[in-house]
Amino acid sequence: MITATIPCPAHQKSTRFNQTALRRALILRAQGDILFAHADELERYRRACSASENPDGAEAWKRLANHTRTEAEAFHSRANLIESHAK
């Protein structure tokens, strides 16, 4: 006699939710990585302004780099939070 296992719809929904959540976390983490790379580029601009004795430009690039890093960290924090709830 062959018995068929019928998956529970509630379990399928939970699995689908976890997959969607993990995919979202992966996207957020990738966006954060891109922002970290961009912050490094902004930091190079700041150093170039400092080297050319342009303190106003250096301060502006510094603020932009710091803000970009803050946003990148927020993306990573959200990704960590989503991953912890999806497990």
Protein backbone atom coordinates (compact mmCIF):
# COMPACT_ATOMS: atom_id res chain seq x y z
CA MET A 1 0.00 0.00 0.00
CA ILE A 2 1.34 3.44 -0.96
CA THR A 3 0.69 6.35 1.33
CA ALA A 4 0.94 9.87 0.01
CA THR A 5 2.16 12.64 2.22
CA ILE A 6 0.14 15.78 1.80
CA PRO A 7 2.10 18.85 2.87
CA CYS A 8 0.45 21.07 5.41
CA PRO A 9 -0.51 24.43 3.82
CA ALA A 10 0.50 26.27 6.98
CA HIS A 11 3.98 24.77 6.80
CA GLN A 12 4.31 25.68 3.12
CA LYS A 13 3.36 29.27 3.86
CA SER A 14 5.97 29.46 6.61
CA THR A 15 8.66 28.05 4.33
CA ARG A 16 7.71 30.47 1.57
CA PHE A 17 7.83 33.36 4.06
CA ASN A 18 11.30 32.29 5.25
CA GLN A 19 12.58 32.08 1.67
CA THR A 20 11.18 35.52 0.86
CA ALA A 21 12.61 36.98 4.05
CA LEU A 22 16.05 35.48 3.42
CA ARG A 23 16.03 36.79 -0.15
CA ARG A 24 15.12 40.26 1.17
CA ALA A 25 17.96 40.05 3.71
CA LEU A 26 20.37 39.11 0.94
CA ILE A 27 19.30 42.14 -1.10
CA LEU A 28 19.65 44.46 1.89
CA ARG A 29 23.11 43.10 2.64
CA ALA A 30 24.17 43.61 -1.00
CA GLN A 31 22.90 47.19 -0.91
CA GLY A 32 24.82 47.77 2.31
CA ASP A 33 28.00 46.41 0.73
CA ILE A 34 27.56 48.76 -2.24
CA LEU A 35 27.12 51.69 0.13
CA PHE A 36 30.25 50.71 2.08
CA ALA A 37 32.22 50.68 -1.18
CA HIS A 38 30.78 54.08 -2.09
CA ALA A 39 31.73 55.44 1.34
CA ASP A 40 35.31 54.34 0.72
CA GLU A 41 35.27 56.26 -2.57
CA LEU A 42 33.93 59.36 -0.81
CA GLU A 43 36.69 59.00 1.77
CA ARG A 44 39.26 59.07 -1.06
CA TYR A 45 37.75 62.36 -2.25
CA ARG A 46 38.07 63.69 1.30
CA ARG A 47 41.75 62.75 1.43
CA ALA A 48 42.34 64.39 -1.95
CA CYS A 49 40.72 67.61 -0.72
CA SER A 50 42.81 67.51 2.45
CA ALA A 51 45.97 66.99 0.42
CA SER A 52 45.09 69.95 -1.80
CA GLU A 53 44.46 72.12 1.27
CA ASN A 54 40.73 72.41 0.70
CA PRO A 55 39.27 72.03 4.22
CA ASP A 56 35.72 72.96 3.21
CA GLY A 57 35.63 70.29 0.52
CA ALA A 58 37.23 67.77 2.87
CA GLU A 59 34.55 68.40 5.51
CA ALA A 60 31.76 68.00 2.97
CA TRP A 61 33.18 64.69 1.69
CA LYS A 62 33.69 63.53 5.27
CA ARG A 63 30.03 64.19 6.13
CA LEU A 64 28.87 62.39 2.99
CA ALA A 65 31.12 59.40 3.68
CA ASN A 66 29.92 59.15 7.29
CA HIS A 67 26.27 59.39 6.26
CA THR A 68 26.80 56.70 3.61
CA ARG A 69 28.45 54.40 6.17
CA THR A 70 25.56 54.98 8.57
CA GLU A 71 23.07 53.98 5.87
CA ALA A 72 25.15 50.91 4.99
CA GLU A 73 25.21 49.84 8.64
CA ALA A 74 21.42 50.30 8.80
CA PHE A 75 20.99 48.00 5.78
CA HIS A 76 23.19 45.35 7.42
CA SER A 77 21.32 45.68 10.74
CA ARG A 78 17.97 45.22 8.99
CA ALA A 79 19.33 42.20 7.12
CA ASN A 80 20.55 40.68 10.41
CA LEU A 81 17.17 41.28 12.03
CA ILE A 82 15.27 39.70 9.13
CA GLU A 83 17.60 36.69 9.11
CA SER A 84 17.20 36.16 12.85
CA HIS A 85 13.39 36.15 12.54
CA ALA A 86 13.39 33.90 9.49
CA LYS A 87 15.27 31.08 11.22
